[in-house]
């Protein structure tokens, strides 16, 4: 029973650390972190992620069809 209490205690401590670990607020009078928007390059990463997902999905479909044909 004490092992379960220790696990529960550790779990609750970790949850509290995660819940209250926040970044400090920005200093007063500070503008947005980066302006104008071109300084936020998210297009390249998203495009690569979508391409990788499409390739993975195509491979899974190909393998599934190949397995079905081999079973017949």
PDB file of N, CA and C in Angstrom:
ATOM      1  N   UNK A   1       0.817  -1.200   0.000  1.00  0.00           N
ATOM      2  CA  UNK A   1       0.000   0.000   0.000  1.00  0.00           C
ATOM      3  C   UNK A   1       0.857   1.259   0.000  1.00  0.00           C
ATOM      4  N   UNK A   2       1.995   1.237   0.648  1.00  0.00           N
ATOM      5  CA  UNK A   2       2.819   2.443   0.701  1.00  0.00           C
ATOM      6  C   UNK A   2       3.422   2.754  -0.670  1.00  0.00           C
ATOM      7  N   UNK A   3       3.676   1.727  -1.487  1.00  0.00           N
ATOM      8  CA  UNK A   3       4.205   1.967  -2.829  1.00  0.00           C
ATOM      9  C   UNK A   3       3.195   2.764  -3.652  1.00  0.00           C
ATOM     10  N   UNK A   4       1.915   2.418  -3.529  1.00  0.00           N
ATOM     11  CA  UNK A   4       0.880   3.151  -4.254  1.00  0.00           C
ATOM     12  C   UNK A   4       0.786   4.596  -3.771  1.00  0.00           C
ATOM     13  N   UNK A   5       0.977   4.809  -2.476  1.00  0.00           N
ATOM     14  CA  UNK A   5       0.947   6.170  -1.939  1.00  0.00           C
ATOM     15  C   UNK A   5       2.124   6.979  -2.482  1.00  0.00           C
ATOM     16  N   UNK A   6       3.294   6.362  -2.587  1.00  0.00           N
ATOM     17  CA  UNK A   6       4.465   7.056  -3.113  1.00  0.00           C
ATOM     18  C   UNK A   6       4.261   7.411  -4.586  1.00  0.00           C
ATOM     19  N   UNK A   7       3.720   6.500  -5.343  1.00  0.00           N
ATOM     20  CA  UNK A   7       3.460   6.761  -6.760  1.00  0.00           C
ATOM     21  C   UNK A   7       2.447   7.895  -6.897  1.00  0.00           C
ATOM     22  N   UNK A   8       1.393   7.858  -6.095  1.00  0.00           N
ATOM     23  CA  UNK A   8       0.383   8.916  -6.141  1.00  0.00           C
ATOM     24  C   UNK A   8       0.995  10.264  -5.768  1.00  0.00           C
ATOM     25  N   UNK A   9       1.832  10.290  -4.744  1.00  0.00           N
ATOM     26  CA  UNK A   9       2.477  11.530  -4.321  1.00  0.00           C
ATOM     27  C   UNK A   9       3.367  12.088  -5.427  1.00  0.00           C
ATOM     28  N   UNK A  10       4.175  11.223  -6.044  1.00  0.00           N
ATOM     29  CA  UNK A  10       5.043  11.663  -7.134  1.00  0.00           C
ATOM     30  C   UNK A  10       4.208  12.180  -8.295  1.00  0.00           C
ATOM     31  N   UNK A  11       3.149  11.488  -8.634  1.00  0.00           N
ATOM     32  CA  UNK A  11       2.265  11.903  -9.716  1.00  0.00           C
ATOM     33  C   UNK A  11       1.663  13.274  -9.431  1.00  0.00           C
ATOM     34  N   UNK A  12       1.176  13.498  -8.226  1.00  0.00           N
ATOM     35  CA  UNK A  12       0.582  14.780  -7.878  1.00  0.00           C
ATOM     36  C   UNK A  12       1.612  15.906  -7.888  1.00  0.00           C
ATOM     37  N   UNK A  13       2.817  15.629  -7.438  1.00  0.00           N
ATOM     38  CA  UNK A  13       3.870  16.647  -7.470  1.00  0.00           C
ATOM     39  C   UNK A  13       4.212  17.010  -8.905  1.00  0.00           C
ATOM     40  N   UNK A  14       4.330  16.022  -9.757  1.00  0.00           N
ATOM     41  CA  UNK A  14       4.653  16.292 -11.166  1.00  0.00           C
ATOM     42  C   UNK A  14       3.537  17.087 -11.824  1.00  0.00           C
ATOM     43  N   UNK A  15       2.287  16.735 -11.559  1.00  0.00           N
ATOM     44  CA  UNK A  15       1.153  17.470 -12.124  1.00  0.00           C
ATOM     45  C   UNK A  15       1.186  18.927 -11.666  1.00  0.00           C
ATOM     46  N   UNK A  16       1.474  19.169 -10.400  1.00  0.00           N
ATOM     47  CA  UNK A  16       1.547  20.545  -9.897  1.00  0.00           C
ATOM     48  C   UNK A  16       2.700  21.311 -10.523  1.00  0.00           C
ATOM     49  N   UNK A  17       3.832  20.662 -10.701  1.00  0.00           N
ATOM     50  CA  UNK A  17       4.965  21.338 -11.333  1.00  0.00           C
ATOM     51  C   UNK A  17       4.634  21.730 -12.773  1.00  0.00           C
ATOM     52  N   UNK A  18       3.969  20.846 -13.483  1.00  0.00           N
ATOM     53  CA  UNK A  18       3.600  21.143 -14.865  1.00  0.00           C
ATOM     54  C   UNK A  18       2.553  22.252 -14.916  1.00  0.00           C
ATOM     55  N   UNK A  19       1.587  22.204 -14.028  1.00  0.00           N
ATOM     56  CA  UNK A  19       0.492  23.175 -14.053  1.00  0.00           C
ATOM     57  C   UNK A  19       0.974  24.589 -13.726  1.00  0.00           C
ATOM     58  N   UNK A  20       1.942  24.721 -12.835  1.00  0.00           N
ATOM     59  CA  UNK A  20       2.370  26.042 -12.404  1.00  0.00           C
ATOM     60  C   UNK A  20       3.667  26.497 -13.045  1.00  0.00           C
ATOM     61  N   UNK A  21       4.196  25.741 -13.975  1.00  0.00           N
ATOM     62  CA  UNK A  21       5.413  26.138 -14.678  1.00  0.00           C
ATOM     63  C   UNK A  21       5.021  26.986 -15.878  1.00  0.00           C
ATOM     64  N   UNK A  22       4.948  28.270 -15.675  1.00  0.00           N
ATOM     65  CA  UNK A  22       4.561  29.181 -16.747  1.00  0.00           C
ATOM     66  C   UNK A  22       5.667  30.206 -16.953  1.00  0.00           C
ATOM     67  N   UNK A  23       5.752  30.724 -18.138  1.00  0.00           N
ATOM     68  CA  UNK A  23       6.736  31.755 -18.427  1.00  0.00           C
ATOM     69  C   UNK A  23       6.332  33.046 -17.722  1.00  0.00           C
ATOM     70  N   UNK A  24       7.309  33.839 -17.327  1.00  0.00           N
ATOM     71  CA  UNK A  24       6.959  35.101 -16.680  1.00  0.00           C
ATOM     72  C   UNK A  24       6.320  36.054 -17.691  1.00  0.00           C
ATOM     73  N   UNK A  25       5.513  36.963 -17.220  1.00  0.00           N
ATOM     74  CA  UNK A  25       4.867  37.895 -18.150  1.00  0.00           C
ATOM     75  C   UNK A  25       5.905  38.815 -18.793  1.00  0.00           C
ATOM     76  N   UNK A  26       5.608  39.337 -19.966  1.00  0.00           N
ATOM     77  CA  UNK A  26       6.564  40.237 -20.617  1.00  0.00           C
ATOM     78  C   UNK A  26       6.681  41.543 -19.850  1.00  0.00           C
ATOM     79  N   UNK A  27       7.796  42.223 -20.005  1.00  0.00           N
ATOM     80  CA  UNK A  27       7.939  43.500 -19.298  1.00  0.00           C
ATOM     81  C   UNK A  27       6.914  44.515 -19.807  1.00  0.00           C
ATOM     82  N   UNK A  28       6.515  45.440 -18.965  1.00  0.00           N
ATOM     83  CA  UNK A  28       5.509  46.410 -19.394  1.00  0.00           C
ATOM     84  C   UNK A  28       6.027  47.262 -20.554  1.00  0.00           C
ATOM     85  N   UNK A  29       5.147  47.531 -21.488  1.00  0.00           N
ATOM     86  CA  UNK A  29       5.504  48.368 -22.619  1.00  0.00           C
ATOM     87  C   UNK A  29       6.171  47.616 -23.755  1.00  0.00           C
ATOM     88  N   UNK A  30       6.393  46.339 -23.600  1.00  0.00           N
ATOM     89  CA  UNK A  30       7.026  45.567 -24.652  1.00  0.00           C
ATOM     90  C   UNK A  30       5.989  45.221 -25.712  1.00  0.00           C
ATOM     91  N   UNK A  31       6.397  45.287 -26.957  1.00  0.00           N
ATOM     92  CA  UNK A  31       5.499  44.944 -28.055  1.00  0.00           C
ATOM     93  C   UNK A  31       5.473  43.438 -28.251  1.00  0.00           C
ATOM     94  N   UNK A  32       4.861  42.997 -29.339  1.00  0.00           N
ATOM     95  CA  UNK A  32       4.852  41.561 -29.625  1.00  0.00           C
ATOM     96  C   UNK A  32       6.270  41.041 -29.839  1.00  0.00           C
ATOM     97  N   UNK A  33       6.455  39.768 -29.631  1.00  0.00           N
ATOM     98  CA  UNK A  33       7.781  39.176 -29.714  1.00  0.00           C
ATOM     99  C   UNK A  33       8.450  39.353 -31.052  1.00  0.00           C
ATOM    100  N   UNK A  34       7.703  39.295 -32.115  1.00  0.00           N
ATOM    101  CA  UNK A  34       8.282  39.414 -33.438  1.00  0.00           C
ATOM    102  C   UNK A  34       7.263  40.028 -34.376  1.00  0.00           C
ATOM    103  N   UNK A  35       7.574  41.167 -34.891  1.00  0.00           N
ATOM    104  CA  UNK A  35       6.654  41.823 -35.813  1.00  0.00           C
ATOM    105  C   UNK A  35       7.458  42.503 -36.872  1.00  0.00           C
ATOM    106  N   UNK A  36       7.181  42.404 -38.087  1.00  0.00           N
ATOM    107  CA  UNK A  36       6.049  41.869 -38.810  1.00  0.00           C
ATOM    108  C   UNK A  36       6.125  40.352 -38.950  1.00  0.00           C
ATOM    109  N   UNK A  37       5.025  39.716 -39.341  1.00  0.00           N
ATOM    110  CA  UNK A  37       4.930  38.264 -39.391  1.00  0.00           C
ATOM    111  C   UNK A  37       5.967  37.514 -40.228  1.00  0.00           C
ATOM    112  N   UNK A  38       6.632  38.082 -41.229  1.00  0.00           N
ATOM    113  CA  UNK A  38       7.594  37.257 -41.971  1.00  0.00           C
ATOM    114  C   UNK A  38       8.698  36.658 -41.111  1.00  0.00           C
ATOM    115  N   UNK A  39       8.863  37.133 -39.890  1.00  0.00           N
ATOM    116  CA  UNK A  39       9.922  36.575 -39.056  1.00  0.00           C
ATOM    117  C   UNK A  39       9.495  35.269 -38.388  1.00  0.00           C
ATOM    118  N   UNK A  40       8.299  34.762 -38.697  1.00  0.00           N
ATOM    119  CA  UNK A  40       7.823  33.513 -38.121  1.00  0.00           C
ATOM    120  C   UNK A  40       7.704  32.467 -39.227  1.00  0.00           C
ATOM    121  N   UNK A  41       8.783  31.750 -39.550  1.00  0.00           N
ATOM    122  CA  UNK A  41       8.761  30.805 -40.680  1.00  0.00           C
ATOM    123  C   UNK A  41       8.149  29.463 -40.298  1.00  0.00           C
ATOM    124  N   UNK A  42       6.837  29.338 -40.412  1.00  0.00           N
ATOM    125  CA  UNK A  42       6.207  28.060 -40.096  1.00  0.00           C
ATOM    126  C   UNK A  42       5.833  27.293 -41.350  1.00  0.00           C
ATOM    127  N   UNK A  43       5.906  27.921 -42.524  1.00  0.00           N
ATOM    128  CA  UNK A  43       5.464  27.258 -43.739  1.00  0.00           C
ATOM    129  C   UNK A  43       6.351  26.068 -44.091  1.00  0.00           C
ATOM    130  N   UNK A  44       7.664  26.215 -44.017  1.00  0.00           N
ATOM    131  CA  UNK A  44       8.563  25.139 -44.408  1.00  0.00           C
ATOM    132  C   UNK A  44       8.368  23.883 -43.574  1.00  0.00           C
ATOM    133  N   UNK A  45       8.237  24.028 -42.283  1.00  0.00           N
ATOM    134  CA  UNK A  45       8.066  22.879 -41.408  1.00  0.00           C
ATOM    135  C   UNK A  45       6.738  22.186 -41.613  1.00  0.00           C
ATOM    136  N   UNK A  46       5.685  22.960 -41.789  1.00  0.00           N
ATOM    137  CA  UNK A  46       4.369  22.369 -41.986  1.00  0.00           C
ATOM    138  C   UNK A  46       4.304  21.637 -43.318  1.00  0.00           C
ATOM    139  N   UNK A  47       4.917  22.229 -44.339  1.00  0.00           N
ATOM    140  CA  UNK A  47       4.919  21.587 -45.651  1.00  0.00           C
ATOM    141  C   UNK A  47       5.651  20.250 -45.593  1.00  0.00           C
ATOM    142  N   UNK A  48       6.797  20.227 -44.947  1.00  0.00           N
ATOM    143  CA  UNK A  48       7.549  18.974 -44.816  1.00  0.00           C
ATOM    144  C   UNK A  48       6.772  17.944 -44.000  1.00  0.00           C
ATOM    145  N   UNK A  49       6.119  18.384 -42.959  1.00  0.00           N
ATOM    146  CA  UNK A  49       5.334  17.467 -42.138  1.00  0.00           C
ATOM    147  C   UNK A  49       4.170  16.877 -42.927  1.00  0.00           C
ATOM    148  N   UNK A  50       3.498  17.704 -43.721  1.00  0.00           N
ATOM    149  CA  UNK A  50       2.392  17.199 -44.539  1.00  0.00           C
ATOM    150  C   UNK A  50       2.894  16.232 -45.600  1.00  0.00           C
ATOM    151  N   UNK A  51       4.045  16.536 -46.204  1.00  0.00           N
ATOM    152  CA  UNK A  51       4.602  15.641 -47.220  1.00  0.00           C
ATOM    153  C   UNK A  51       4.996  14.298 -46.602  1.00  0.00           C
ATOM    154  N   UNK A  52       5.594  14.340 -45.426  1.00  0.00           N
ATOM    155  CA  UNK A  52       5.973  13.099 -44.751  1.00  0.00           C
ATOM    156  C   UNK A  52       4.730  12.285 -44.386  1.00  0.00           C
ATOM    157  N   UNK A  53       3.672  12.942 -43.928  1.00  0.00           N
ATOM    158  CA  UNK A  53       2.441  12.243 -43.596  1.00  0.00           C
ATOM    159  C   UNK A  53       1.790  11.615 -44.821  1.00  0.00           C
ATOM    160  N   UNK A  54       1.810  12.345 -45.938  1.00  0.00           N
ATOM    161  CA  UNK A  54       1.238  11.801 -47.168  1.00  0.00           C
ATOM    162  C   UNK A  54       2.042  10.600 -47.658  1.00  0.00           C
ATOM    163  N   UNK A  55       3.366  10.688 -47.582  1.00  0.00           N
ATOM    164  CA  UNK A  55       4.214   9.572 -48.005  1.00  0.00           C
ATOM    165  C   UNK A  55       3.990   8.355 -47.110  1.00  0.00           C
ATOM    166  N   UNK A  56       3.876   8.584 -45.822  1.00  0.00           N
ATOM    167  CA  UNK A  56       3.640   7.486 -44.889  1.00  0.00           C
ATOM    168  C   UNK A  56       2.280   6.832 -45.158  1.00  0.00           C
ATOM    169  N   UNK A  57       1.265   7.648 -45.374  1.00  0.00           N
ATOM    170  CA  UNK A  57      -0.061   7.113 -45.675  1.00  0.00           C
ATOM    171  C   UNK A  57      -0.076   6.325 -46.975  1.00  0.00           C
ATOM    172  N   UNK A  58       0.622   6.842 -47.997  1.00  0.00           N
ATOM    173  CA  UNK A  58       0.685   6.136 -49.277  1.00  0.00           C
ATOM    174  C   UNK A  58       1.391   4.791 -49.113  1.00  0.00           C
ATOM    175  N   UNK A  59       2.448   4.747 -48.333  1.00  0.00           N
ATOM    176  CA  UNK A  59       3.169   3.491 -48.107  1.00  0.00           C
ATOM    177  C   UNK A  59       2.286   2.491 -47.371  1.00  0.00           C
ATOM    178  N   UNK A  60       1.530   2.957 -46.371  1.00  0.00           N
ATOM    179  CA  UNK A  60       0.642   2.056 -45.628  1.00  0.00           C
ATOM    180  C   UNK A  60      -0.442   1.491 -46.553  1.00  0.00           C
ATOM    181  N   UNK A  61      -0.997   2.322 -47.431  1.00  0.00           N
ATOM    182  CA  UNK A  61      -2.010   1.849 -48.376  1.00  0.00           C
ATOM    183  C   UNK A  61      -1.396   0.844 -49.338  1.00  0.00           C
ATOM    184  N   UNK A  62      -0.207   1.146 -49.850  1.00  0.00           N
ATOM    185  CA  UNK A  62       0.488   0.248 -50.776  1.00  0.00           C
ATOM    186  C   UNK A  62       0.762  -1.104 -50.117  1.00  0.00           C
ATOM    187  N   UNK A  63       1.278  -1.068 -48.879  1.00  0.00           N
ATOM    188  CA  UNK A  63       1.568  -2.319 -48.165  1.00  0.00           C
ATOM    189  C   UNK A  63       0.286  -3.109 -47.896  1.00  0.00           C
ATOM    190  N   UNK A  64      -0.788  -2.406 -47.560  1.00  0.00           N
ATOM    191  CA  UNK A  64      -2.056  -3.081 -47.282  1.00  0.00           C
ATOM    192  C   UNK A  64      -2.593  -3.772 -48.536  1.00  0.00           C
ATOM    193  N   UNK A  65      -2.543  -3.087 -49.667  1.00  0.00           N
ATOM    194  CA  UNK A  65      -3.022  -3.685 -50.918  1.00  0.00           C
ATOM    195  C   UNK A  65      -2.136  -4.839 -51.360  1.00  0.00           C
ATOM    196  N   UNK A  66      -0.835  -4.688 -51.161  1.00  0.00           N
ATOM    197  CA  UNK A  66       0.099  -5.750 -51.541  1.00  0.00           C
ATOM    198  C   UNK A  66      -0.158  -6.998 -50.689  1.00  0.00           C
ATOM    199  N   UNK A  67      -0.421  -6.806 -49.398  1.00  0.00           N
ATOM    200  CA  UNK A  67      -0.695  -7.929 -48.495  1.00  0.00           C
ATOM    201  C   UNK A  67      -2.010  -8.607 -48.883  1.00  0.00           C
ATOM    202  N   UNK A  68      -3.017  -7.818 -49.243  1.00  0.00           N
ATOM    203  CA  UNK A  68      -4.306  -8.378 -49.641  1.00  0.00           C
ATOM    204  C   UNK A  68      -4.168  -9.212 -50.913  1.00  0.00           C
ATOM    205  N   UNK A  69      -3.384  -8.711 -51.871  1.00  0.00           N
ATOM    206  CA  UNK A  69      -3.170  -9.469 -53.119  1.00  0.00           C
ATOM    207  C   UNK A  69      -2.394 -10.752 -52.867  1.00  0.00           C
ATOM    208  N   UNK A  70      -1.447 -10.739 -51.942  1.00  0.00           N
ATOM    209  CA  UNK A  70      -0.653 -11.913 -51.635  1.00  0.00           C
ATOM    210  C   UNK A  70      -1.496 -12.972 -50.926  1.00  0.00           C
ATOM    211  N   UNK A  71      -2.488 -12.554 -50.146  1.00  0.00           N
ATOM    212  CA  UNK A  71      -3.340 -13.487 -49.411  1.00  0.00           C
ATOM    213  C   UNK A  71      -4.343 -14.204 -50.343  1.00  0.00           C
ATOM    214  N   UNK A  72      -4.640 -13.609 -51.474  1.00  0.00           N
ATOM    215  CA  UNK A  72      -5.646 -14.212 -52.354  1.00  0.00           C
ATOM    216  C   UNK A  72      -5.093 -15.334 -53.129  1.00  0.00           C
TER     217      UNK A  72
END
